[in-house]
Amino acid sequence: MRGVGGPLLCISDLLNDVAEETSGVPHDHAPPPDDSKLPQSDIPKLFQLCSALETANKLVDSSNSSITSLSEKVGELERIVNRRDSAITAAKEIQGSLKLDDQL
């Protein structure tokens, strides 16, 4: 009986829905869950797993944000280095032309 019996019995429905989303198999066509494989004492472990997955997801999101920011800063640093290289090249050209003028 799907969804009957209050929130604790509906957890199995939620887990089945999650399994359906990840496997792509509709719940109506999925084999019935084997309740003997998942005793009620495992429910707190499942909640801990869900909490750990949420934390990991937040960490990944934060890392992606940090990587984007870091990538932008690296790009800015590359532009600064390129400007420096151009300035050094120009200075060497000027120095070279001044030496030629001195020799004449």
PDB file of N, CA and C in Angstrom:
ATOM      1  N   MET A   1       0.839  -1.176   0.000  1.00  0.00           N
ATOM      2  CA  MET A   1       0.000   0.000   0.000  1.00  0.00           C
ATOM      3  C   MET A   1       0.882   1.236   0.000  1.00  0.00           C
ATOM      4  N   ARG A   2       0.912   1.881  -1.089  1.00  0.00           N
ATOM      5  CA  ARG A   2       1.772   3.040  -1.274  1.00  0.00           C
ATOM      6  C   ARG A   2       1.205   4.257  -0.559  1.00  0.00           C
ATOM      7  N   GLY A   3       2.050   4.900   0.287  1.00  0.00           N
ATOM      8  CA  GLY A   3       1.677   6.156   0.919  1.00  0.00           C
ATOM      9  C   GLY A   3       0.696   6.031   2.064  1.00  0.00           C
ATOM     10  N   VAL A   4       0.498   4.824   2.579  1.00  0.00           N
ATOM     11  CA  VAL A   4      -0.456   4.643   3.674  1.00  0.00           C
ATOM     12  C   VAL A   4       0.327   4.364   4.947  1.00  0.00           C
ATOM     13  N   GLY A   5      -0.050   4.997   6.047  1.00  0.00           N
ATOM     14  CA  GLY A   5       0.561   4.655   7.310  1.00  0.00           C
ATOM     15  C   GLY A   5       1.388   5.755   7.930  1.00  0.00           C
ATOM     16  N   GLY A   6       1.371   6.920   7.368  1.00  0.00           N
ATOM     17  CA  GLY A   6       2.088   8.028   7.987  1.00  0.00           C
ATOM     18  C   GLY A   6       3.478   8.213   7.418  1.00  0.00           C
ATOM     19  N   PRO A   7       4.228   9.174   7.977  1.00  0.00           N
ATOM     20  CA  PRO A   7       5.507   9.562   7.389  1.00  0.00           C
ATOM     21  C   PRO A   7       6.561   8.462   7.371  1.00  0.00           C
ATOM     22  N   LEU A   8       6.607   7.615   8.384  1.00  0.00           N
ATOM     23  CA  LEU A   8       7.649   6.594   8.402  1.00  0.00           C
ATOM     24  C   LEU A   8       7.454   5.563   7.300  1.00  0.00           C
ATOM     25  N   LEU A   9       6.226   5.205   7.038  1.00  0.00           N
ATOM     26  CA  LEU A   9       5.990   4.253   5.964  1.00  0.00           C
ATOM     27  C   LEU A   9       6.146   4.908   4.602  1.00  0.00           C
ATOM     28  N   CYS A  10       6.001   6.210   4.518  1.00  0.00           N
ATOM     29  CA  CYS A  10       6.165   6.911   3.246  1.00  0.00           C
ATOM     30  C   CYS A  10       7.632   7.074   2.862  1.00  0.00           C
ATOM     31  N   ILE A  11       8.551   6.844   3.792  1.00  0.00           N
ATOM     32  CA  ILE A  11       9.978   6.927   3.478  1.00  0.00           C
ATOM     33  C   ILE A  11      10.326   5.910   2.403  1.00  0.00           C
ATOM     34  N   SER A  12       9.740   4.730   2.496  1.00  0.00           N
ATOM     35  CA  SER A  12      10.027   3.731   1.468  1.00  0.00           C
ATOM     36  C   SER A  12       9.542   4.214   0.108  1.00  0.00           C
ATOM     37  N   ASP A  13       8.417   4.942   0.096  1.00  0.00           N
ATOM     38  CA  ASP A  13       7.941   5.516  -1.165  1.00  0.00           C
ATOM     39  C   ASP A  13       8.961   6.524  -1.704  1.00  0.00           C
ATOM     40  N   LEU A  14       9.487   7.358  -0.819  1.00  0.00           N
ATOM     41  CA  LEU A  14      10.487   8.345  -1.218  1.00  0.00           C
ATOM     42  C   LEU A  14      11.722   7.653  -1.778  1.00  0.00           C
ATOM     43  N   LEU A  15      12.196   6.625  -1.088  1.00  0.00           N
ATOM     44  CA  LEU A  15      13.374   5.903  -1.554  1.00  0.00           C
ATOM     45  C   LEU A  15      13.106   5.230  -2.905  1.00  0.00           C
ATOM     46  N   ASN A  16      11.905   4.705  -3.074  1.00  0.00           N
ATOM     47  CA  ASN A  16      11.548   4.100  -4.359  1.00  0.00           C
ATOM     48  C   ASN A  16      11.527   5.156  -5.459  1.00  0.00           C
ATOM     49  N   ASP A  17      11.009   6.350  -5.137  1.00  0.00           N
ATOM     50  CA  ASP A  17      10.981   7.430  -6.118  1.00  0.00           C
ATOM     51  C   ASP A  17      12.391   7.852  -6.504  1.00  0.00           C
ATOM     52  N   VAL A  18      13.281   7.931  -5.521  1.00  0.00           N
ATOM     53  CA  VAL A  18      14.675   8.279  -5.807  1.00  0.00           C
ATOM     54  C   VAL A  18      15.304   7.202  -6.671  1.00  0.00           C
ATOM     55  N   ALA A  19      15.053   5.956  -6.358  1.00  0.00           N
ATOM     56  CA  ALA A  19      15.593   4.854  -7.157  1.00  0.00           C
ATOM     57  C   ALA A  19      15.050   4.924  -8.576  1.00  0.00           C
ATOM     58  N   GLU A  20      13.790   5.285  -8.714  1.00  0.00           N
ATOM     59  CA  GLU A  20      13.162   5.403 -10.029  1.00  0.00           C
ATOM     60  C   GLU A  20      13.833   6.507 -10.836  1.00  0.00           C
ATOM     61  N   GLU A  21      14.106   7.644 -10.185  1.00  0.00           N
ATOM     62  CA  GLU A  21      14.734   8.763 -10.877  1.00  0.00           C
ATOM     63  C   GLU A  21      16.142   8.414 -11.335  1.00  0.00           C
ATOM     64  N   THR A  22      16.878   7.704 -10.517  1.00  0.00           N
ATOM     65  CA  THR A  22      18.261   7.393 -10.864  1.00  0.00           C
ATOM     66  C   THR A  22      18.361   6.229 -11.838  1.00  0.00           C
ATOM     67  N   SER A  23      17.439   5.293 -11.772  1.00  0.00           N
ATOM     68  CA  SER A  23      17.531   4.131 -12.651  1.00  0.00           C
ATOM     69  C   SER A  23      16.764   4.323 -13.950  1.00  0.00           C
ATOM     70  N   GLY A  24      15.818   5.249 -13.967  1.00  0.00           N
ATOM     71  CA  GLY A  24      15.002   5.477 -15.150  1.00  0.00           C
ATOM     72  C   GLY A  24      13.882   4.463 -15.303  1.00  0.00           C
ATOM     73  N   VAL A  25      13.740   3.552 -14.368  1.00  0.00           N
ATOM     74  CA  VAL A  25      12.681   2.550 -14.421  1.00  0.00           C
ATOM     75  C   VAL A  25      11.480   3.086 -13.647  1.00  0.00           C
ATOM     76  N   PRO A  26      10.303   3.192 -14.292  1.00  0.00           N
ATOM     77  CA  PRO A  26       9.137   3.677 -13.560  1.00  0.00           C
ATOM     78  C   PRO A  26       8.822   2.798 -12.361  1.00  0.00           C
ATOM     79  N   HIS A  27       8.333   3.433 -11.296  1.00  0.00           N
ATOM     80  CA  HIS A  27       8.033   2.718 -10.058  1.00  0.00           C
ATOM     81  C   HIS A  27       7.018   1.606 -10.291  1.00  0.00           C
ATOM     82  N   ASP A  28       6.051   1.853 -11.176  1.00  0.00           N
ATOM     83  CA  ASP A  28       5.013   0.844 -11.425  1.00  0.00           C
ATOM     84  C   ASP A  28       5.591  -0.414 -12.068  1.00  0.00           C
ATOM     85  N   HIS A  29       6.730  -0.278 -12.773  1.00  0.00           N
ATOM     86  CA  HIS A  29       7.323  -1.421 -13.449  1.00  0.00           C
ATOM     87  C   HIS A  29       8.514  -1.997 -12.694  1.00  0.00           C
ATOM     88  N   ALA A  30       8.901  -1.346 -11.635  1.00  0.00           N
ATOM     89  CA  ALA A  30      10.039  -1.825 -10.847  1.00  0.00           C
ATOM     90  C   ALA A  30       9.597  -3.003  -9.998  1.00  0.00           C
ATOM     91  N   PRO A  31      10.515  -3.918  -9.714  1.00  0.00           N
ATOM     92  CA  PRO A  31      10.144  -5.029  -8.839  1.00  0.00           C
ATOM     93  C   PRO A  31       9.808  -4.498  -7.450  1.00  0.00           C
ATOM     94  N   PRO A  32       8.900  -5.162  -6.763  1.00  0.00           N
ATOM     95  CA  PRO A  32       8.533  -4.680  -5.430  1.00  0.00           C
ATOM     96  C   PRO A  32       9.736  -4.722  -4.502  1.00  0.00           C
ATOM     97  N   PRO A  33       9.846  -3.737  -3.589  1.00  0.00           N
ATOM     98  CA  PRO A  33      11.003  -3.715  -2.691  1.00  0.00           C
ATOM     99  C   PRO A  33      10.985  -4.915  -1.760  1.00  0.00           C
ATOM    100  N   ASP A  34      12.167  -5.422  -1.482  1.00  0.00           N
ATOM    101  CA  ASP A  34      12.308  -6.546  -0.565  1.00  0.00           C
ATOM    102  C   ASP A  34      12.542  -5.969   0.821  1.00  0.00           C
ATOM    103  N   ASP A  35      11.495  -5.904   1.627  1.00  0.00           N
ATOM    104  CA  ASP A  35      11.576  -5.286   2.948  1.00  0.00           C
ATOM    105  C   ASP A  35      12.529  -6.031   3.880  1.00  0.00           C
ATOM    106  N   SER A  36      12.824  -7.283   3.559  1.00  0.00           N
ATOM    107  CA  SER A  36      13.718  -8.034   4.438  1.00  0.00           C
ATOM    108  C   SER A  36      15.169  -7.559   4.294  1.00  0.00           C
ATOM    109  N   LYS A  37      15.485  -6.874   3.198  1.00  0.00           N
ATOM    110  CA  LYS A  37      16.842  -6.382   2.984  1.00  0.00           C
ATOM    111  C   LYS A  37      17.111  -5.094   3.754  1.00  0.00           C
ATOM    112  N   LEU A  38      16.081  -4.377   4.127  1.00  0.00           N
ATOM    113  CA  LEU A  38      16.268  -3.086   4.781  1.00  0.00           C
ATOM    114  C   LEU A  38      15.461  -3.042   6.076  1.00  0.00           C
ATOM    115  N   PRO A  39      16.074  -3.487   7.151  1.00  0.00           N
ATOM    116  CA  PRO A  39      15.349  -3.438   8.434  1.00  0.00           C
ATOM    117  C   PRO A  39      15.166  -1.983   8.878  1.00  0.00           C
ATOM    118  N   GLN A  40      14.176  -1.772   9.737  1.00  0.00           N
ATOM    119  CA  GLN A  40      13.892  -0.417  10.202  1.00  0.00           C
ATOM    120  C   GLN A  40      15.069   0.186  10.950  1.00  0.00           C
ATOM    121  N   SER A  41      15.931  -0.635  11.494  1.00  0.00           N
ATOM    122  CA  SER A  41      17.093  -0.105  12.205  1.00  0.00           C
ATOM    123  C   SER A  41      18.064   0.600  11.241  1.00  0.00           C
ATOM    124  N   ASP A  42      17.915   0.362   9.941  1.00  0.00           N
ATOM    125  CA  ASP A  42      18.779   1.017   8.949  1.00  0.00           C
ATOM    126  C   ASP A  42      18.271   2.397   8.549  1.00  0.00           C
ATOM    127  N   ILE A  43      17.073   2.755   8.951  1.00  0.00           N
ATOM    128  CA  ILE A  43      16.511   4.056   8.566  1.00  0.00           C
ATOM    129  C   ILE A  43      17.389   5.212   9.048  1.00  0.00           C
ATOM    130  N   PRO A  44      17.883   5.221  10.293  1.00  0.00           N
ATOM    131  CA  PRO A  44      18.781   6.320  10.692  1.00  0.00           C
ATOM    132  C   PRO A  44      20.048   6.377   9.831  1.00  0.00           C
ATOM    133  N   LYS A  45      20.542   5.226   9.413  1.00  0.00           N
ATOM    134  CA  LYS A  45      21.725   5.210   8.550  1.00  0.00           C
ATOM    135  C   LYS A  45      21.413   5.858   7.204  1.00  0.00           C
ATOM    136  N   LEU A  46      20.210   5.603   6.709  1.00  0.00           N
ATOM    137  CA  LEU A  46      19.806   6.217   5.443  1.00  0.00           C
ATOM    138  C   LEU A  46      19.720   7.733   5.579  1.00  0.00           C
ATOM    139  N   PHE A  47      19.179   8.204   6.708  1.00  0.00           N
ATOM    140  CA  PHE A  47      19.114   9.641   6.930  1.00  0.00           C
ATOM    141  C   PHE A  47      20.515  10.233   7.034  1.00  0.00           C
ATOM    142  N   GLN A  48      21.436   9.517   7.686  1.00  0.00           N
ATOM    143  CA  GLN A  48      22.821   9.988   7.778  1.00  0.00           C
ATOM    144  C   GLN A  48      23.450  10.049   6.383  1.00  0.00           C
ATOM    145  N   LEU A  49      23.143   9.018   5.573  1.00  0.00           N
ATOM    146  CA  LEU A  49      23.665   9.008   4.194  1.00  0.00           C
ATOM    147  C   LEU A  49      23.121  10.193   3.411  1.00  0.00           C
ATOM    148  N   CYS A  50      21.826  10.446   3.554  1.00  0.00           N
ATOM    149  CA  CYS A  50      21.225  11.587   2.847  1.00  0.00           C
ATOM    150  C   CYS A  50      21.875  12.889   3.304  1.00  0.00           C
ATOM    151  N   SER A  51      22.100  13.017   4.594  1.00  0.00           N
ATOM    152  CA  SER A  51      22.744  14.215   5.127  1.00  0.00           C
ATOM    153  C   SER A  51      24.161  14.346   4.582  1.00  0.00           C
ATOM    154  N   ALA A  52      24.871  13.239   4.523  1.00  0.00           N
ATOM    155  CA  ALA A  52      26.234  13.264   3.988  1.00  0.00           C
ATOM    156  C   ALA A  52      26.229  13.644   2.514  1.00  0.00           C
ATOM    157  N   LEU A  53      25.251  13.152   1.762  1.00  0.00           N
ATOM    158  CA  LEU A  53      25.154  13.495   0.339  1.00  0.00           C
ATOM    159  C   LEU A  53      24.832  14.976   0.158  1.00  0.00           C
ATOM    160  N   GLU A  54      23.954  15.519   0.992  1.00  0.00           N
ATOM    161  CA  GLU A  54      23.638  16.945   0.920  1.00  0.00           C
ATOM    162  C   GLU A  54      24.875  17.779   1.227  1.00  0.00           C
ATOM    163  N   THR A  55      25.631  17.381   2.239  1.00  0.00           N
ATOM    164  CA  THR A  55      26.857  18.093   2.596  1.00  0.00           C
ATOM    165  C   THR A  55      27.863  18.024   1.457  1.00  0.00           C
ATOM    166  N   ALA A  56      28.004  16.855   0.860  1.00  0.00           N
ATOM    167  CA  ALA A  56      28.933  16.692  -0.261  1.00  0.00           C
ATOM    168  C   ALA A  56      28.502  17.561  -1.440  1.00  0.00           C
ATOM    169  N   ASN A  57      27.211  17.639  -1.684  1.00  0.00           N
ATOM    170  CA  ASN A  57      26.698  18.467  -2.774  1.00  0.00           C
ATOM    171  C   ASN A  57      27.015  19.942  -2.528  1.00  0.00           C
ATOM    172  N   LYS A  58      26.842  20.392  -1.276  1.00  0.00           N
ATOM    173  CA  LYS A  58      27.174  21.781  -0.944  1.00  0.00           C
ATOM    174  C   LYS A  58      28.664  22.031  -1.126  1.00  0.00           C
ATOM    175  N   LEU A  59      29.486  21.068  -0.759  1.00  0.00           N
ATOM    176  CA  LEU A  59      30.933  21.201  -0.915  1.00  0.00           C
ATOM    177  C   LEU A  59      31.309  21.304  -2.390  1.00  0.00           C
ATOM    178  N   VAL A  60      30.691  20.488  -3.225  1.00  0.00           N
ATOM    179  CA  VAL A  60      30.962  20.535  -4.664  1.00  0.00           C
ATOM    180  C   VAL A  60      30.542  21.884  -5.239  1.00  0.00           C
ATOM    181  N   ASP A  61      29.358  22.370  -4.842  1.00  0.00           N
ATOM    182  CA  ASP A  61      28.897  23.678  -5.314  1.00  0.00           C
ATOM    183  C   ASP A  61      29.868  24.780  -4.901  1.00  0.00           C
ATOM    184  N   SER A  62      30.324  24.725  -3.661  1.00  0.00           N
ATOM    185  CA  SER A  62      31.271  25.720  -3.163  1.00  0.00           C
ATOM    186  C   SER A  62      32.590  25.632  -3.925  1.00  0.00           C
ATOM    187  N   SER A  63      33.046  24.420  -4.177  1.00  0.00           N
ATOM    188  CA  SER A  63      34.298  24.225  -4.920  1.00  0.00           C
ATOM    189  C   SER A  63      34.172  24.769  -6.334  1.00  0.00           C
ATOM    190  N   ASN A  64      33.031  24.522  -6.980  1.00  0.00           N
ATOM    191  CA  ASN A  64      32.819  25.028  -8.333  1.00  0.00           C
ATOM    192  C   ASN A  64      32.860  26.551  -8.352  1.00  0.00           C
ATOM    193  N   SER A  65      32.253  27.166  -7.347  1.00  0.00           N
ATOM    194  CA  SER A  65      32.263  28.623  -7.245  1.00  0.00           C
ATOM    195  C   SER A  65      33.684  29.131  -7.052  1.00  0.00           C
ATOM    196  N   SER A  66      34.433  28.474  -6.194  1.00  0.00           N
ATOM    197  CA  SER A  66      35.820  28.874  -5.936  1.00  0.00           C
ATOM    198  C   SER A  66      36.680  28.693  -7.184  1.00  0.00           C
ATOM    199  N   ILE A  67      36.450  27.626  -7.917  1.00  0.00           N
ATOM    200  CA  ILE A  67      37.222  27.364  -9.127  1.00  0.00           C
ATOM    201  C   ILE A  67      36.944  28.432 -10.176  1.00  0.00           C
ATOM    202  N   THR A  68      35.693  28.839 -10.298  1.00  0.00           N
ATOM    203  CA  THR A  68      35.335  29.885 -11.253  1.00  0.00           C
ATOM    204  C   THR A  68      36.048  31.179 -10.901  1.00  0.00           C
ATOM    205  N   SER A  69      36.017  31.546  -9.630  1.00  0.00           N
ATOM    206  CA  SER A  69      36.690  32.762  -9.176  1.00  0.00           C
ATOM    207  C   SER A  69      38.191  32.672  -9.418  1.00  0.00           C
ATOM    208  N   LEU A  70      38.782  31.542  -9.096  1.00  0.00           N
ATOM    209  CA  LEU A  70      40.212  31.343  -9.286  1.00  0.00           C
ATOM    210  C   LEU A  70      40.572  31.418 -10.771  1.00  0.00           C
ATOM    211  N   SER A  71      39.756  30.837 -11.611  1.00  0.00           N
ATOM    212  CA  SER A  71      40.001  30.860 -13.053  1.00  0.00           C
ATOM    213  C   SER A  71      39.989  32.290 -13.580  1.00  0.00           C
ATOM    214  N   GLU A  72      39.052  33.107 -13.095  1.00  0.00           N
ATOM    215  CA  GLU A  72      39.001  34.510 -13.506  1.00  0.00           C
ATOM    216  C   GLU A  72      40.258  35.248 -13.072  1.00  0.00           C
ATOM    217  N   LYS A  73      40.732  34.965 -11.860  1.00  0.00           N
ATOM    218  CA  LYS A  73      41.941  35.623 -11.353  1.00  0.00           C
ATOM    219  C   LYS A  73      43.173  35.186 -12.144  1.00  0.00           C
ATOM    220  N   VAL A  74      43.237  33.925 -12.538  1.00  0.00           N
ATOM    221  CA  VAL A  74      44.354  33.442 -13.348  1.00  0.00           C
ATOM    222  C   VAL A  74      44.349  34.137 -14.705  1.00  0.00           C
ATOM    223  N   GLY A  75      43.158  34.294 -15.292  1.00  0.00           N
ATOM    224  CA  GLY A  75      43.052  35.010 -16.573  1.00  0.00           C
ATOM    225  C   GLY A  75      43.543  36.444 -16.457  1.00  0.00           C
ATOM    226  N   GLU A  76      43.175  37.119 -15.375  1.00  0.00           N
ATOM    227  CA  GLU A  76      43.636  38.490 -15.149  1.00  0.00           C
ATOM    228  C   GLU A  76      45.159  38.529 -14.989  1.00  0.00           C
ATOM    229  N   LEU A  77      45.706  37.575 -14.258  1.00  0.00           N
ATOM    230  CA  LEU A  77      47.150  37.507 -14.068  1.00  0.00           C
ATOM    231  C   LEU A  77      47.864  37.270 -15.400  1.00  0.00           C
ATOM    232  N   GLU A  78      47.301  36.434 -16.266  1.00  0.00           N
ATOM    233  CA  GLU A  78      47.897  36.190 -17.588  1.00  0.00           C
ATOM    234  C   GLU A  78      47.928  37.471 -18.410  1.00  0.00           C
ATOM    235  N   ARG A  79      46.848  38.275 -18.339  1.00  0.00           N
ATOM    236  CA  ARG A  79      46.822  39.545 -19.071  1.00  0.00           C
ATOM    237  C   ARG A  79      47.905  40.496 -18.547  1.00  0.00           C
ATOM    238  N   ILE A  80      48.105  40.531 -17.234  1.00  0.00           N
ATOM    239  CA  ILE A  80      49.130  41.380 -16.635  1.00  0.00           C
ATOM    240  C   ILE A  80      50.523  40.930 -17.082  1.00  0.00           C
ATOM    241  N   VAL A  81      50.763  39.628 -17.087  1.00  0.00           N
ATOM    242  CA  VAL A  81      52.063  39.103 -17.509  1.00  0.00           C
ATOM    243  C   VAL A  81      52.308  39.422 -18.986  1.00  0.00           C
ATOM    244  N   ASN A  82      51.263  39.300 -19.810  1.00  0.00           N
ATOM    245  CA  ASN A  82      51.415  39.627 -21.231  1.00  0.00           C
ATOM    246  C   ASN A  82      51.745  41.105 -21.430  1.00  0.00           C
ATOM    247  N   ARG A  83      51.103  41.983 -20.658  1.00  0.00           N
ATOM    248  CA  ARG A  83      51.415  43.419 -20.739  1.00  0.00           C
ATOM    249  C   ARG A  83      52.857  43.673 -20.313  1.00  0.00           C
ATOM    250  N   ARG A  84      53.298  42.977 -19.261  1.00  0.00           N
ATOM    251  CA  ARG A  84      54.677  43.108 -18.796  1.00  0.00           C
ATOM    252  C   ARG A  84      55.653  42.684 -19.884  1.00  0.00           C
ATOM    253  N   ASP A  85      55.367  41.553 -20.519  1.00  0.00           N
ATOM    254  CA  ASP A  85      56.240  41.061 -21.586  1.00  0.00           C
ATOM    255  C   ASP A  85      56.306  42.052 -22.741  1.00  0.00           C
ATOM    256  N   SER A  86      55.154  42.637 -23.070  1.00  0.00           N
ATOM    257  CA  SER A  86      55.123  43.644 -24.140  1.00  0.00           C
ATOM    258  C   SER A  86      55.935  44.872 -23.746  1.00  0.00           C
ATOM    259  N   ALA A  87      55.836  45.289 -22.492  1.00  0.00           N
ATOM    260  CA  ALA A  87      56.593  46.452 -22.018  1.00  0.00           C
ATOM    261  C   ALA A  87      58.091  46.169 -22.042  1.00  0.00           C
ATOM    262  N   ILE A  88      58.487  44.962 -21.664  1.00  0.00           N
ATOM    263  CA  ILE A  88      59.913  44.596 -21.689  1.00  0.00           C
ATOM    264  C   ILE A  88      60.429  44.610 -23.126  1.00  0.00           C
ATOM    265  N   THR A  89      59.645  44.055 -24.045  1.00  0.00           N
ATOM    266  CA  THR A  89      60.040  44.036 -25.457  1.00  0.00           C
ATOM    267  C   THR A  89      60.187  45.457 -25.988  1.00  0.00           C
ATOM    268  N   ALA A  90      59.237  46.322 -25.659  1.00  0.00           N
ATOM    269  CA  ALA A  90      59.304  47.715 -26.109  1.00  0.00           C
ATOM    270  C   ALA A  90      60.518  48.414 -25.508  1.00  0.00           C
ATOM    271  N   ALA A  91      60.795  48.166 -24.245  1.00  0.00           N
ATOM    272  CA  ALA A  91      61.953  48.788 -23.595  1.00  0.00           C
ATOM    273  C   ALA A  91      63.250  48.327 -24.247  1.00  0.00           C
ATOM    274  N   LYS A  92      63.343  47.058 -24.611  1.00  0.00           N
ATOM    275  CA  LYS A  92      64.545  46.544 -25.274  1.00  0.00           C
ATOM    276  C   LYS A  92      64.719  47.175 -26.650  1.00  0.00           C
ATOM    277  N   GLU A  93      63.615  47.379 -27.346  1.00  0.00           N
ATOM    278  CA  GLU A  93      63.683  48.023 -28.663  1.00  0.00           C
ATOM    279  C   GLU A  93      64.164  49.460 -28.523  1.00  0.00           C
ATOM    280  N   ILE A  94      63.634  50.163 -27.530  1.00  0.00           N
ATOM    281  CA  ILE A  94      64.056  51.547 -27.294  1.00  0.00           C
ATOM    282  C   ILE A  94      65.529  51.586 -26.921  1.00  0.00           C
ATOM    283  N   GLN A  95      65.944  50.688 -26.052  1.00  0.00           N
ATOM    284  CA  GLN A  95      67.343  50.632 -25.634  1.00  0.00           C
ATOM    285  C   GLN A  95      68.245  50.335 -26.831  1.00  0.00           C
ATOM    286  N   GLY A  96      67.793  49.433 -27.669  1.00  0.00           N
ATOM    287  CA  GLY A  96      68.573  49.092 -28.869  1.00  0.00           C
ATOM    288  C   GLY A  96      68.678  50.273 -29.810  1.00  0.00           C
ATOM    289  N   SER A  97      67.576  50.999 -29.990  1.00  0.00           N
ATOM    290  CA  SER A  97      67.634  52.177 -30.879  1.00  0.00           C
ATOM    291  C   SER A  97      68.491  53.274 -30.294  1.00  0.00           C
ATOM    292  N   LEU A  98      68.524  53.439 -28.971  1.00  0.00           N
ATOM    293  CA  LEU A  98      69.363  54.445 -28.341  1.00  0.00           C
ATOM    294  C   LEU A  98      70.838  54.085 -28.523  1.00  0.00           C
ATOM    295  N   LYS A  99      71.170  52.824 -28.450  1.00  0.00           N
ATOM    296  CA  LYS A  99      72.562  52.387 -28.658  1.00  0.00           C
ATOM    297  C   LYS A  99      72.997  52.672 -30.095  1.00  0.00           C
ATOM    298  N   LEU A 100      72.082  52.462 -31.042  1.00  0.00           N
ATOM    299  CA  LEU A 100      72.406  52.743 -32.443  1.00  0.00           C
ATOM    300  C   LEU A 100      72.635  54.230 -32.644  1.00  0.00           C
ATOM    301  N   ASP A 101      71.801  55.072 -31.987  1.00  0.00           N
ATOM    302  CA  ASP A 101      71.949  56.521 -32.092  1.00  0.00           C
ATOM    303  C   ASP A 101      73.281  56.962 -31.491  1.00  0.00           C
ATOM    304  N   ASP A 102      73.695  56.357 -30.389  1.00  0.00           N
ATOM    305  CA  ASP A 102      74.951  56.693 -29.754  1.00  0.00           C
ATOM    306  C   ASP A 102      76.159  56.315 -30.621  1.00  0.00           C
ATOM    307  N   GLN A 103      75.997  55.241 -31.379  1.00  0.00           N
ATOM    308  CA  GLN A 103      77.082  54.777 -32.233  1.00  0.00           C
ATOM    309  C   GLN A 103      77.229  55.667 -33.463  1.00  0.00           C
ATOM    310  N   LEU A 104      76.190  56.324 -33.854  1.00  0.00           N
ATOM    311  CA  LEU A 104      76.264  57.179 -35.048  1.00  0.00           C
ATOM    312  C   LEU A 104      76.869  58.460 -34.666  1.00  0.00           C
TER     313      LEU A 104
END
